[in-house]
Amino acid sequence: RENDLPVDQHMLIALAAPRPIYVASAEKDRWADPKGEFLSCLHADPVY
């Protein structure tokens, strides 16, 4: 029921702002959703 969460992980990335933050993904690590990790960074961008 993820849509019911009042937060998502782009907000966790944003909580580091304005400090530098680095997120790394790996091609074969599909379980960790590499694209979803990038999208969290992208959607934290407005705060930065």
ModelCIF file with pLDDT and N, C-alpha, C, O atoms, coordinates in Angstrom:
data_MODEL
#
_entry.id   MODEL 
#
_entity.id                         1 
_entity.type                       polymer 
_entity.pdbx_number_of_molecules   1 
#
_entity_poly.entity_id                      1 
_entity_poly.type                           'polypeptide(L)' 
_entity_poly.nstd_linkage                   no 
_entity_poly.nstd_monomer                   no 
_entity_poly.pdbx_seq_one_letter_code       RENDLPVDQHMLIALAAPRPIYVASAEKDRWADPKGEFLSCLHADPVY 
_entity_poly.pdbx_seq_one_letter_code_can   RENDLPVDQHMLIALAAPRPIYVASAEKDRWADPKGEFLSCLHADPVY 
_entity_poly.pdbx_strand_id                 A 
#
loop_
_entity_poly_seq.entity_id 
_entity_poly_seq.num 
_entity_poly_seq.mon_id 
_entity_poly_seq.hetero 
1 1  ARG n 
1 2  GLU n 
1 3  ASN n 
1 4  ASP n 
1 5  LEU n 
1 6  PRO n 
1 7  VAL n 
1 8  ASP n 
1 9  GLN n 
1 10 HIS n 
1 11 MET n 
1 12 LEU n 
1 13 ILE n 
1 14 ALA n 
1 15 LEU n 
1 16 ALA n 
1 17 ALA n 
1 18 PRO n 
1 19 ARG n 
1 20 PRO n 
1 21 ILE n 
1 22 TYR n 
1 23 VAL n 
1 24 ALA n 
1 25 SER n 
1 26 ALA n 
1 27 GLU n 
1 28 LYS n 
1 29 ASP n 
1 30 ARG n 
1 31 TRP n 
1 32 ALA n 
1 33 ASP n 
1 34 PRO n 
1 35 LYS n 
1 36 GLY n 
1 37 GLU n 
1 38 PHE n 
1 39 LEU n 
1 40 SER n 
1 41 CYS n 
1 42 LEU n 
1 43 HIS n 
1 44 ALA n 
1 45 ASP n 
1 46 PRO n 
1 47 VAL n 
1 48 TYR n 
#
_struct_asym.id          A 
_struct_asym.entity_id   1 
#
loop_
_ma_qa_metric.id 
_ma_qa_metric.mode 
_ma_qa_metric.name 
_ma_qa_metric.software_group_id 
_ma_qa_metric.type 
1 global pLDDT . pLDDT 
2 local  pLDDT . pLDDT 
#
_ma_qa_metric_global.metric_id      1 
_ma_qa_metric_global.metric_value   98.04 
_ma_qa_metric_global.model_id       1 
_ma_qa_metric_global.ordinal_id     1 
#
loop_
_ma_qa_metric_local.label_asym_id 
_ma_qa_metric_local.label_comp_id 
_ma_qa_metric_local.label_seq_id 
_ma_qa_metric_local.metric_id 
_ma_qa_metric_local.metric_value 
_ma_qa_metric_local.model_id 
_ma_qa_metric_local.ordinal_id 
A ARG 1  2 97.00 1 1  
A GLU 2  2 98.00 1 2  
A ASN 3  2 97.00 1 3  
A ASP 4  2 98.00 1 4  
A LEU 5  2 98.00 1 5  
A PRO 6  2 98.00 1 6  
A VAL 7  2 98.00 1 7  
A ASP 8  2 98.00 1 8  
A GLN 9  2 98.00 1 9  
A HIS 10 2 98.00 1 10 
A MET 11 2 99.00 1 11 
A LEU 12 2 99.00 1 12 
A ILE 13 2 98.00 1 13 
A ALA 14 2 98.00 1 14 
A LEU 15 2 99.00 1 15 
A ALA 16 2 98.00 1 16 
A ALA 17 2 98.00 1 17 
A PRO 18 2 98.00 1 18 
A ARG 19 2 98.00 1 19 
A PRO 20 2 98.00 1 20 
A ILE 21 2 98.00 1 21 
A TYR 22 2 99.00 1 22 
A VAL 23 2 99.00 1 23 
A ALA 24 2 98.00 1 24 
A SER 25 2 98.00 1 25 
A ALA 26 2 98.00 1 26 
A GLU 27 2 98.00 1 27 
A LYS 28 2 98.00 1 28 
A ASP 29 2 98.00 1 29 
A ARG 30 2 98.00 1 30 
A TRP 31 2 97.00 1 31 
A ALA 32 2 98.00 1 32 
A ASP 33 2 98.00 1 33 
A PRO 34 2 98.00 1 34 
A LYS 35 2 98.00 1 35 
A GLY 36 2 98.00 1 36 
A GLU 37 2 98.00 1 37 
A PHE 38 2 98.00 1 38 
A LEU 39 2 98.00 1 39 
A SER 40 2 98.00 1 40 
A CYS 41 2 98.00 1 41 
A LEU 42 2 98.00 1 42 
A HIS 43 2 98.00 1 43 
A ALA 44 2 98.00 1 44 
A ASP 45 2 98.00 1 45 
A PRO 46 2 98.00 1 46 
A VAL 47 2 98.00 1 47 
A TYR 48 2 98.00 1 48 
#
loop_
_atom_site.group_PDB 
_atom_site.id 
_atom_site.type_symbol 
_atom_site.label_atom_id 
_atom_site.label_alt_id 
_atom_site.label_comp_id 
_atom_site.label_asym_id 
_atom_site.label_entity_id 
_atom_site.label_seq_id 
_atom_site.pdbx_PDB_ins_code 
_atom_site.Cartn_x 
_atom_site.Cartn_y 
_atom_site.Cartn_z 
_atom_site.occupancy 
_atom_site.B_iso_or_equiv 
_atom_site.pdbx_formal_charge 
_atom_site.auth_seq_id 
_atom_site.auth_comp_id 
_atom_site.auth_asym_id 
_atom_site.auth_atom_id 
_atom_site.pdbx_PDB_model_num 
ATOM 1   N N  . ARG A 1 1  ? 0.863  -1.201 0.000   1.00 97.00 ? 1  ARG A N  1 
ATOM 2   C CA . ARG A 1 1  ? 0.000  0.000  0.000   1.00 97.00 ? 1  ARG A CA 1 
ATOM 3   C C  . ARG A 1 1  ? 0.891  1.240  0.000   1.00 97.00 ? 1  ARG A C  1 
ATOM 4   O O  . ARG A 1 1  ? 0.661  2.190  0.749   1.00 97.00 ? 1  ARG A O  1 
ATOM 5   N N  . GLU A 1 2  ? 1.896  1.210  -0.843  1.00 98.00 ? 2  GLU A N  1 
ATOM 6   C CA . GLU A 1 2  ? 2.904  2.277  -0.830  1.00 98.00 ? 2  GLU A CA 1 
ATOM 7   C C  . GLU A 1 2  ? 2.310  3.654  -1.090  1.00 98.00 ? 2  GLU A C  1 
ATOM 8   O O  . GLU A 1 2  ? 2.822  4.652  -0.583  1.00 98.00 ? 2  GLU A O  1 
ATOM 9   N N  . ASN A 1 3  ? 1.243  3.721  -1.870  1.00 97.00 ? 3  ASN A N  1 
ATOM 10  C CA . ASN A 1 3  ? 0.653  5.027  -2.174  1.00 97.00 ? 3  ASN A CA 1 
ATOM 11  C C  . ASN A 1 3  ? 0.055  5.710  -0.954  1.00 97.00 ? 3  ASN A C  1 
ATOM 12  O O  . ASN A 1 3  ? -0.189 6.917  -0.975  1.00 97.00 ? 3  ASN A O  1 
ATOM 13  N N  . ASP A 1 4  ? -0.182 4.945  0.111   1.00 98.00 ? 4  ASP A N  1 
ATOM 14  C CA . ASP A 1 4  ? -0.734 5.538  1.326   1.00 98.00 ? 4  ASP A CA 1 
ATOM 15  C C  . ASP A 1 4  ? 0.334  6.166  2.217   1.00 98.00 ? 4  ASP A C  1 
ATOM 16  O O  . ASP A 1 4  ? 0.009  6.886  3.161   1.00 98.00 ? 4  ASP A O  1 
ATOM 17  N N  . LEU A 1 5  ? 1.590  5.902  1.926   1.00 98.00 ? 5  LEU A N  1 
ATOM 18  C CA . LEU A 1 5  ? 2.670  6.509  2.709   1.00 98.00 ? 5  LEU A CA 1 
ATOM 19  C C  . LEU A 1 5  ? 2.631  8.035  2.588   1.00 98.00 ? 5  LEU A C  1 
ATOM 20  O O  . LEU A 1 5  ? 2.489  8.556  1.482   1.00 98.00 ? 5  LEU A O  1 
ATOM 21  N N  . PRO A 1 6  ? 2.754  8.752  3.690   1.00 98.00 ? 6  PRO A N  1 
ATOM 22  C CA . PRO A 1 6  ? 2.797  10.219 3.591   1.00 98.00 ? 6  PRO A CA 1 
ATOM 23  C C  . PRO A 1 6  ? 4.143  10.750 3.121   1.00 98.00 ? 6  PRO A C  1 
ATOM 24  O O  . PRO A 1 6  ? 4.284  11.948 2.876   1.00 98.00 ? 6  PRO A O  1 
ATOM 25  N N  . VAL A 1 7  ? 5.140  9.867  2.993   1.00 98.00 ? 7  VAL A N  1 
ATOM 26  C CA . VAL A 1 7  ? 6.468  10.260 2.518   1.00 98.00 ? 7  VAL A CA 1 
ATOM 27  C C  . VAL A 1 7  ? 6.911  9.272  1.447   1.00 98.00 ? 7  VAL A C  1 
ATOM 28  O O  . VAL A 1 7  ? 6.306  8.214  1.270   1.00 98.00 ? 7  VAL A O  1 
ATOM 29  N N  . ASP A 1 8  ? 7.981  9.635  0.733   1.00 98.00 ? 8  ASP A N  1 
ATOM 30  C CA . ASP A 1 8  ? 8.698  8.680  -0.097  1.00 98.00 ? 8  ASP A CA 1 
ATOM 31  C C  . ASP A 1 8  ? 10.158 9.082  -0.082  1.00 98.00 ? 8  ASP A C  1 
ATOM 32  O O  . ASP A 1 8  ? 10.522 10.104 0.499   1.00 98.00 ? 8  ASP A O  1 
ATOM 33  N N  . GLN A 1 9  ? 10.999 8.276  -0.724  1.00 98.00 ? 9  GLN A N  1 
ATOM 34  C CA . GLN A 1 9  ? 12.425 8.369  -0.440  1.00 98.00 ? 9  GLN A CA 1 
ATOM 35  C C  . GLN A 1 9  ? 13.103 9.581  -1.075  1.00 98.00 ? 9  GLN A C  1 
ATOM 36  O O  . GLN A 1 9  ? 14.213 9.926  -0.671  1.00 98.00 ? 9  GLN A O  1 
ATOM 37  N N  . HIS A 1 10 ? 12.481 10.237 -2.049  1.00 98.00 ? 10 HIS A N  1 
ATOM 38  C CA . HIS A 1 10 ? 13.036 11.501 -2.540  1.00 98.00 ? 10 HIS A CA 1 
ATOM 39  C C  . HIS A 1 10 ? 13.066 12.536 -1.421  1.00 98.00 ? 10 HIS A C  1 
ATOM 40  O O  . HIS A 1 10 ? 13.908 13.434 -1.417  1.00 98.00 ? 10 HIS A O  1 
ATOM 41  N N  . MET A 1 11 ? 12.146 12.404 -0.479  1.00 99.00 ? 11 MET A N  1 
ATOM 42  C CA . MET A 1 11 ? 12.128 13.312 0.662   1.00 99.00 ? 11 MET A CA 1 
ATOM 43  C C  . MET A 1 11 ? 13.290 13.019 1.607   1.00 99.00 ? 11 MET A C  1 
ATOM 44  O O  . MET A 1 11 ? 13.837 13.930 2.229   1.00 99.00 ? 11 MET A O  1 
ATOM 45  N N  . LEU A 1 12 ? 13.661 11.750 1.711   1.00 99.00 ? 12 LEU A N  1 
ATOM 46  C CA . LEU A 1 12 ? 14.830 11.388 2.512   1.00 99.00 ? 12 LEU A CA 1 
ATOM 47  C C  . LEU A 1 12 ? 16.098 11.977 1.895   1.00 99.00 ? 12 LEU A C  1 
ATOM 48  O O  . LEU A 1 12 ? 16.952 12.498 2.613   1.00 99.00 ? 12 LEU A O  1 
ATOM 49  N N  . ILE A 1 13 ? 16.226 11.897 0.577   1.00 98.00 ? 13 ILE A N  1 
ATOM 50  C CA . ILE A 1 13 ? 17.367 12.527 -0.106  1.00 98.00 ? 13 ILE A CA 1 
ATOM 51  C C  . ILE A 1 13 ? 17.367 14.026 0.166   1.00 98.00 ? 13 ILE A C  1 
ATOM 52  O O  . ILE A 1 13 ? 18.411 14.614 0.446   1.00 98.00 ? 13 ILE A O  1 
ATOM 53  N N  . ALA A 1 14 ? 16.197 14.635 0.081   1.00 98.00 ? 14 ALA A N  1 
ATOM 54  C CA . ALA A 1 14 ? 16.088 16.088 0.261   1.00 98.00 ? 14 ALA A CA 1 
ATOM 55  C C  . ALA A 1 14 ? 16.491 16.524 1.666   1.00 98.00 ? 14 ALA A C  1 
ATOM 56  O O  . ALA A 1 14 ? 16.930 17.658 1.859   1.00 98.00 ? 14 ALA A O  1 
ATOM 57  N N  . LEU A 1 15 ? 16.344 15.633 2.653   1.00 99.00 ? 15 LEU A N  1 
ATOM 58  C CA . LEU A 1 15 ? 16.691 16.002 4.023   1.00 99.00 ? 15 LEU A CA 1 
ATOM 59  C C  . LEU A 1 15 ? 18.186 16.237 4.214   1.00 99.00 ? 15 LEU A C  1 
ATOM 60  O O  . LEU A 1 15 ? 18.597 16.782 5.239   1.00 99.00 ? 15 LEU A O  1 
ATOM 61  N N  . ALA A 1 16 ? 18.999 15.836 3.249   1.00 98.00 ? 16 ALA A N  1 
ATOM 62  C CA . ALA A 1 16 ? 20.428 16.137 3.315   1.00 98.00 ? 16 ALA A CA 1 
ATOM 63  C C  . ALA A 1 16 ? 20.736 17.555 2.842   1.00 98.00 ? 16 ALA A C  1 
ATOM 64  O O  . ALA A 1 16 ? 21.809 18.084 3.135   1.00 98.00 ? 16 ALA A O  1 
ATOM 65  N N  . ALA A 1 17 ? 19.819 18.166 2.125   1.00 98.00 ? 17 ALA A N  1 
ATOM 66  C CA . ALA A 1 17 ? 20.060 19.482 1.510   1.00 98.00 ? 17 ALA A CA 1 
ATOM 67  C C  . ALA A 1 17 ? 20.374 20.537 2.569   1.00 98.00 ? 17 ALA A C  1 
ATOM 68  O O  . ALA A 1 17 ? 19.819 20.499 3.668   1.00 98.00 ? 17 ALA A O  1 
ATOM 69  N N  . PRO A 1 18 ? 21.264 21.482 2.241   1.00 98.00 ? 18 PRO A N  1 
ATOM 70  C CA . PRO A 1 18 ? 21.971 21.666 0.959   1.00 98.00 ? 18 PRO A CA 1 
ATOM 71  C C  . PRO A 1 18 ? 23.319 20.945 0.889   1.00 98.00 ? 18 PRO A C  1 
ATOM 72  O O  . PRO A 1 18 ? 24.123 21.221 -0.001  1.00 98.00 ? 18 PRO A O  1 
ATOM 73  N N  . ARG A 1 19 ? 23.569 20.023 1.822   1.00 98.00 ? 19 ARG A N  1 
ATOM 74  C CA . ARG A 1 19 ? 24.846 19.310 1.835   1.00 98.00 ? 19 ARG A CA 1 
ATOM 75  C C  . ARG A 1 19 ? 24.954 18.378 0.617   1.00 98.00 ? 19 ARG A C  1 
ATOM 76  O O  . ARG A 1 19 ? 23.933 17.924 0.100   1.00 98.00 ? 19 ARG A O  1 
ATOM 77  N N  . PRO A 1 20 ? 26.151 18.096 0.165   1.00 98.00 ? 20 PRO A N  1 
ATOM 78  C CA . PRO A 1 20 ? 26.315 17.147 -0.940  1.00 98.00 ? 20 PRO A CA 1 
ATOM 79  C C  . PRO A 1 20 ? 25.832 15.753 -0.544  1.00 98.00 ? 20 PRO A C  1 
ATOM 80  O O  . PRO A 1 20 ? 26.036 15.304 0.583   1.00 98.00 ? 20 PRO A O  1 
ATOM 81  N N  . ILE A 1 21 ? 25.198 15.093 -1.483  1.00 98.00 ? 21 ILE A N  1 
ATOM 82  C CA . ILE A 1 21 ? 24.758 13.719 -1.268  1.00 98.00 ? 21 ILE A CA 1 
ATOM 83  C C  . ILE A 1 21 ? 25.040 12.921 -2.530  1.00 98.00 ? 21 ILE A C  1 
ATOM 84  O O  . ILE A 1 21 ? 24.900 13.435 -3.640  1.00 98.00 ? 21 ILE A O  1 
ATOM 85  N N  . TYR A 1 22 ? 25.433 11.678 -2.363  1.00 99.00 ? 22 TYR A N  1 
ATOM 86  C CA . TYR A 1 22 ? 25.777 10.832 -3.509  1.00 99.00 ? 22 TYR A CA 1 
ATOM 87  C C  . TYR A 1 22 ? 25.009 9.517  -3.387  1.00 99.00 ? 22 TYR A C  1 
ATOM 88  O O  . TYR A 1 22 ? 24.992 8.887  -2.330  1.00 99.00 ? 22 TYR A O  1 
ATOM 89  N N  . VAL A 1 23 ? 24.373 9.117  -4.491  1.00 99.00 ? 23 VAL A N  1 
ATOM 90  C CA . VAL A 1 23 ? 23.639 7.855  -4.562  1.00 99.00 ? 23 VAL A CA 1 
ATOM 91  C C  . VAL A 1 23 ? 24.223 7.028  -5.698  1.00 99.00 ? 23 VAL A C  1 
ATOM 92  O O  . VAL A 1 23 ? 24.375 7.519  -6.816  1.00 99.00 ? 23 VAL A O  1 
ATOM 93  N N  . ALA A 1 24 ? 24.549 5.778  -5.412  1.00 98.00 ? 24 ALA A N  1 
ATOM 94  C CA . ALA A 1 24 ? 25.135 4.895  -6.418  1.00 98.00 ? 24 ALA A CA 1 
ATOM 95  C C  . ALA A 1 24 ? 24.256 3.668  -6.612  1.00 98.00 ? 24 ALA A C  1 
ATOM 96  O O  . ALA A 1 24 ? 23.745 3.087  -5.654  1.00 98.00 ? 24 ALA A O  1 
ATOM 97  N N  . SER A 1 25 ? 24.091 3.283  -7.893  1.00 98.00 ? 25 SER A N  1 
ATOM 98  C CA . SER A 1 25 ? 23.317 2.102  -8.265  1.00 98.00 ? 25 SER A CA 1 
ATOM 99  C C  . SER A 1 25 ? 24.202 1.176  -9.091  1.00 98.00 ? 25 SER A C  1 
ATOM 100 O O  . SER A 1 25 ? 25.280 1.561  -9.544  1.00 98.00 ? 25 SER A O  1 
ATOM 101 N N  . ALA A 1 26 ? 23.719 -0.062 -9.279  1.00 98.00 ? 26 ALA A N  1 
ATOM 102 C CA . ALA A 1 26 ? 24.477 -1.036 -10.061 1.00 98.00 ? 26 ALA A CA 1 
ATOM 103 C C  . ALA A 1 26 ? 23.559 -1.755 -11.041 1.00 98.00 ? 26 ALA A C  1 
ATOM 104 O O  . ALA A 1 26 ? 22.401 -2.046 -10.742 1.00 98.00 ? 26 ALA A O  1 
ATOM 105 N N  . GLU A 1 27 ? 24.108 -2.030 -12.215 1.00 98.00 ? 27 GLU A N  1 
ATOM 106 C CA . GLU A 1 27 ? 23.341 -2.593 -13.327 1.00 98.00 ? 27 GLU A CA 1 
ATOM 107 C C  . GLU A 1 27 ? 22.621 -3.886 -12.957 1.00 98.00 ? 27 GLU A C  1 
ATOM 108 O O  . GLU A 1 27 ? 21.449 -4.056 -13.292 1.00 98.00 ? 27 GLU A O  1 
ATOM 109 N N  . LYS A 1 28 ? 23.296 -4.786 -12.280 1.00 98.00 ? 28 LYS A N  1 
ATOM 110 C CA . LYS A 1 28 ? 22.718 -6.094 -11.987 1.00 98.00 ? 28 LYS A CA 1 
ATOM 111 C C  . LYS A 1 28 ? 21.970 -6.130 -10.650 1.00 98.00 ? 28 LYS A C  1 
ATOM 112 O O  . LYS A 1 28 ? 21.473 -7.179 -10.238 1.00 98.00 ? 28 LYS A O  1 
ATOM 113 N N  . ASP A 1 29 ? 21.896 -4.996 -9.988  1.00 98.00 ? 29 ASP A N  1 
ATOM 114 C CA . ASP A 1 29 ? 21.218 -4.921 -8.694  1.00 98.00 ? 29 ASP A CA 1 
ATOM 115 C C  . ASP A 1 29 ? 19.764 -4.499 -8.896  1.00 98.00 ? 29 ASP A C  1 
ATOM 116 O O  . ASP A 1 29 ? 19.328 -3.477 -8.367  1.00 98.00 ? 29 ASP A O  1 
ATOM 117 N N  . ARG A 1 30 ? 19.027 -5.285 -9.659  1.00 98.00 ? 30 ARG A N  1 
ATOM 118 C CA . ARG A 1 30 ? 17.651 -4.918 -10.001 1.00 98.00 ? 30 ARG A CA 1 
ATOM 119 C C  . ARG A 1 30 ? 16.751 -4.911 -8.778  1.00 98.00 ? 30 ARG A C  1 
ATOM 120 O O  . ARG A 1 30 ? 15.798 -4.135 -8.710  1.00 98.00 ? 30 ARG A O  1 
ATOM 121 N N  . TRP A 1 31 ? 17.046 -5.768 -7.814  1.00 97.00 ? 31 TRP A N  1 
ATOM 122 C CA . TRP A 1 31 ? 16.281 -5.847 -6.581  1.00 97.00 ? 31 TRP A CA 1 
ATOM 123 C C  . TRP A 1 31 ? 16.206 -4.480 -5.890  1.00 97.00 ? 31 TRP A C  1 
ATOM 124 O O  . TRP A 1 31 ? 15.200 -4.152 -5.261  1.00 97.00 ? 31 TRP A O  1 
ATOM 125 N N  . ALA A 1 32 ? 17.278 -3.686 -6.012  1.00 98.00 ? 32 ALA A N  1 
ATOM 126 C CA . ALA A 1 32 ? 17.347 -2.367 -5.361  1.00 98.00 ? 32 ALA A CA 1 
ATOM 127 C C  . ALA A 1 32 ? 16.759 -1.251 -6.218  1.00 98.00 ? 32 ALA A C  1 
ATOM 128 O O  . ALA A 1 32 ? 16.757 -0.097 -5.791  1.00 98.00 ? 32 ALA A O  1 
ATOM 129 N N  . ASP A 1 33 ? 16.259 -1.562 -7.415  1.00 98.00 ? 33 ASP A N  1 
ATOM 130 C CA . ASP A 1 33 ? 15.631 -0.585 -8.307  1.00 98.00 ? 33 ASP A CA 1 
ATOM 131 C C  . ASP A 1 33 ? 16.544 0.613  -8.609  1.00 98.00 ? 33 ASP A C  1 
ATOM 132 O O  . ASP A 1 33 ? 16.308 1.715  -8.113  1.00 98.00 ? 33 ASP A O  1 
ATOM 133 N N  . PRO A 1 34 ? 17.579 0.395  -9.415  1.00 98.00 ? 34 PRO A N  1 
ATOM 134 C CA . PRO A 1 34 ? 18.488 1.499  -9.736  1.00 98.00 ? 34 PRO A CA 1 
ATOM 135 C C  . PRO A 1 34 ? 17.786 2.742  -10.301 1.00 98.00 ? 34 PRO A C  1 
ATOM 136 O O  . PRO A 1 34 ? 18.122 3.867  -9.931  1.00 98.00 ? 34 PRO A O  1 
ATOM 137 N N  . LYS A 1 35 ? 16.816 2.536  -11.192 1.00 98.00 ? 35 LYS A N  1 
ATOM 138 C CA . LYS A 1 35 ? 16.134 3.711  -11.759 1.00 98.00 ? 35 LYS A CA 1 
ATOM 139 C C  . LYS A 1 35 ? 15.369 4.463  -10.677 1.00 98.00 ? 35 LYS A C  1 
ATOM 140 O O  . LYS A 1 35 ? 15.320 5.693  -10.683 1.00 98.00 ? 35 LYS A O  1 
ATOM 141 N N  . GLY A 1 36 ? 14.771 3.717  -9.745  1.00 98.00 ? 36 GLY A N  1 
ATOM 142 C CA . GLY A 1 36 ? 14.062 4.365  -8.645  1.00 98.00 ? 36 GLY A CA 1 
ATOM 143 C C  . GLY A 1 36 ? 14.984 5.148  -7.741  1.00 98.00 ? 36 GLY A C  1 
ATOM 144 O O  . GLY A 1 36 ? 14.577 6.150  -7.152  1.00 98.00 ? 36 GLY A O  1 
ATOM 145 N N  . GLU A 1 37 ? 16.228 4.702  -7.623  1.00 98.00 ? 37 GLU A N  1 
ATOM 146 C CA . GLU A 1 37 ? 17.210 5.453  -6.845  1.00 98.00 ? 37 GLU A CA 1 
ATOM 147 C C  . GLU A 1 37 ? 17.539 6.773  -7.539  1.00 98.00 ? 37 GLU A C  1 
ATOM 148 O O  . GLU A 1 37 ? 17.640 7.817  -6.895  1.00 98.00 ? 37 GLU A O  1 
ATOM 149 N N  . PHE A 1 38 ? 17.704 6.711  -8.866  1.00 98.00 ? 38 PHE A N  1 
ATOM 150 C CA . PHE A 1 38 ? 17.952 7.956  -9.599  1.00 98.00 ? 38 PHE A CA 1 
ATOM 151 C C  . PHE A 1 38 ? 16.765 8.904  -9.486  1.00 98.00 ? 38 PHE A C  1 
ATOM 152 O O  . PHE A 1 38 ? 16.943 10.105 -9.287  1.00 98.00 ? 38 PHE A O  1 
ATOM 153 N N  . LEU A 1 39 ? 15.547 8.363  -9.614  1.00 98.00 ? 39 LEU A N  1 
ATOM 154 C CA . LEU A 1 39 ? 14.363 9.225  -9.576  1.00 98.00 ? 39 LEU A CA 1 
ATOM 155 C C  . LEU A 1 39 ? 14.209 9.916  -8.224  1.00 98.00 ? 39 LEU A C  1 
ATOM 156 O O  . LEU A 1 39 ? 13.718 11.043 -8.161  1.00 98.00 ? 39 LEU A O  1 
ATOM 157 N N  . SER A 1 40 ? 14.621 9.260  -7.151  1.00 98.00 ? 40 SER A N  1 
ATOM 158 C CA . SER A 1 40 ? 14.614 9.939  -5.859  1.00 98.00 ? 40 SER A CA 1 
ATOM 159 C C  . SER A 1 40 ? 15.526 11.165 -5.879  1.00 98.00 ? 40 SER A C  1 
ATOM 160 O O  . SER A 1 40 ? 15.172 12.222 -5.357  1.00 98.00 ? 40 SER A O  1 
ATOM 161 N N  . CYS A 1 41 ? 16.690 11.012 -6.482  1.00 98.00 ? 41 CYS A N  1 
ATOM 162 C CA . CYS A 1 41 ? 17.608 12.154 -6.613  1.00 98.00 ? 41 CYS A CA 1 
ATOM 163 C C  . CYS A 1 41 ? 16.974 13.263 -7.444  1.00 98.00 ? 41 CYS A C  1 
ATOM 164 O O  . CYS A 1 41 ? 17.038 14.440 -7.089  1.00 98.00 ? 41 CYS A O  1 
ATOM 165 N N  . LEU A 1 42 ? 16.366 12.868 -8.547  1.00 98.00 ? 42 LEU A N  1 
ATOM 166 C CA . LEU A 1 42 ? 15.752 13.852 -9.442  1.00 98.00 ? 42 LEU A CA 1 
ATOM 167 C C  . LEU A 1 42 ? 14.643 14.632 -8.735  1.00 98.00 ? 42 LEU A C  1 
ATOM 168 O O  . LEU A 1 42 ? 14.536 15.849 -8.892  1.00 98.00 ? 42 LEU A O  1 
ATOM 169 N N  . HIS A 1 43 ? 13.823 13.932 -7.961  1.00 98.00 ? 43 HIS A N  1 
ATOM 170 C CA . HIS A 1 43 ? 12.688 14.600 -7.309  1.00 98.00 ? 43 HIS A CA 1 
ATOM 171 C C  . HIS A 1 43 ? 13.081 15.292 -6.012  1.00 98.00 ? 43 HIS A C  1 
ATOM 172 O O  . HIS A 1 43 ? 12.258 15.981 -5.408  1.00 98.00 ? 43 HIS A O  1 
ATOM 173 N N  . ALA A 1 44 ? 14.324 15.121 -5.574  1.00 98.00 ? 44 ALA A N  1 
ATOM 174 C CA . ALA A 1 44 ? 14.848 15.929 -4.470  1.00 98.00 ? 44 ALA A CA 1 
ATOM 175 C C  . ALA A 1 44 ? 15.448 17.235 -4.986  1.00 98.00 ? 44 ALA A C  1 
ATOM 176 O O  . ALA A 1 44 ? 15.700 18.156 -4.210  1.00 98.00 ? 44 ALA A O  1 
ATOM 177 N N  . ASP A 1 45 ? 15.673 17.310 -6.284  1.00 98.00 ? 45 ASP A N  1 
ATOM 178 C CA . ASP A 1 45 ? 16.330 18.465 -6.900  1.00 98.00 ? 45 ASP A CA 1 
ATOM 179 C C  . ASP A 1 45 ? 15.668 19.797 -6.554  1.00 98.00 ? 45 ASP A C  1 
ATOM 180 O O  . ASP A 1 45 ? 16.389 20.756 -6.279  1.00 98.00 ? 45 ASP A O  1 
ATOM 181 N N  . PRO A 1 46 ? 14.317 19.915 -6.550  1.00 98.00 ? 46 PRO A N  1 
ATOM 182 C CA . PRO A 1 46 ? 13.720 21.229 -6.236  1.00 98.00 ? 46 PRO A CA 1 
ATOM 183 C C  . PRO A 1 46 ? 14.113 21.780 -4.878  1.00 98.00 ? 46 PRO A C  1 
ATOM 184 O O  . PRO A 1 46 ? 14.227 22.995 -4.716  1.00 98.00 ? 46 PRO A O  1 
ATOM 185 N N  . VAL A 1 47 ? 14.322 20.912 -3.902  1.00 98.00 ? 47 VAL A N  1 
ATOM 186 C CA . VAL A 1 47 ? 14.737 21.383 -2.580  1.00 98.00 ? 47 VAL A CA 1 
ATOM 187 C C  . VAL A 1 47 ? 16.145 21.946 -2.654  1.00 98.00 ? 47 VAL A C  1 
ATOM 188 O O  . VAL A 1 47 ? 16.422 23.013 -2.106  1.00 98.00 ? 47 VAL A O  1 
ATOM 189 N N  . TYR A 1 48 ? 17.036 21.229 -3.331  1.00 98.00 ? 48 TYR A N  1 
ATOM 190 C CA . TYR A 1 48 ? 18.410 21.715 -3.484  1.00 98.00 ? 48 TYR A CA 1 
ATOM 191 C C  . TYR A 1 48 ? 18.448 23.034 -4.242  1.00 98.00 ? 48 TYR A C  1 
ATOM 192 O O  . TYR A 1 48 ? 19.525 23.588 -4.463  1.00 98.00 ? 48 TYR A O  1 
#
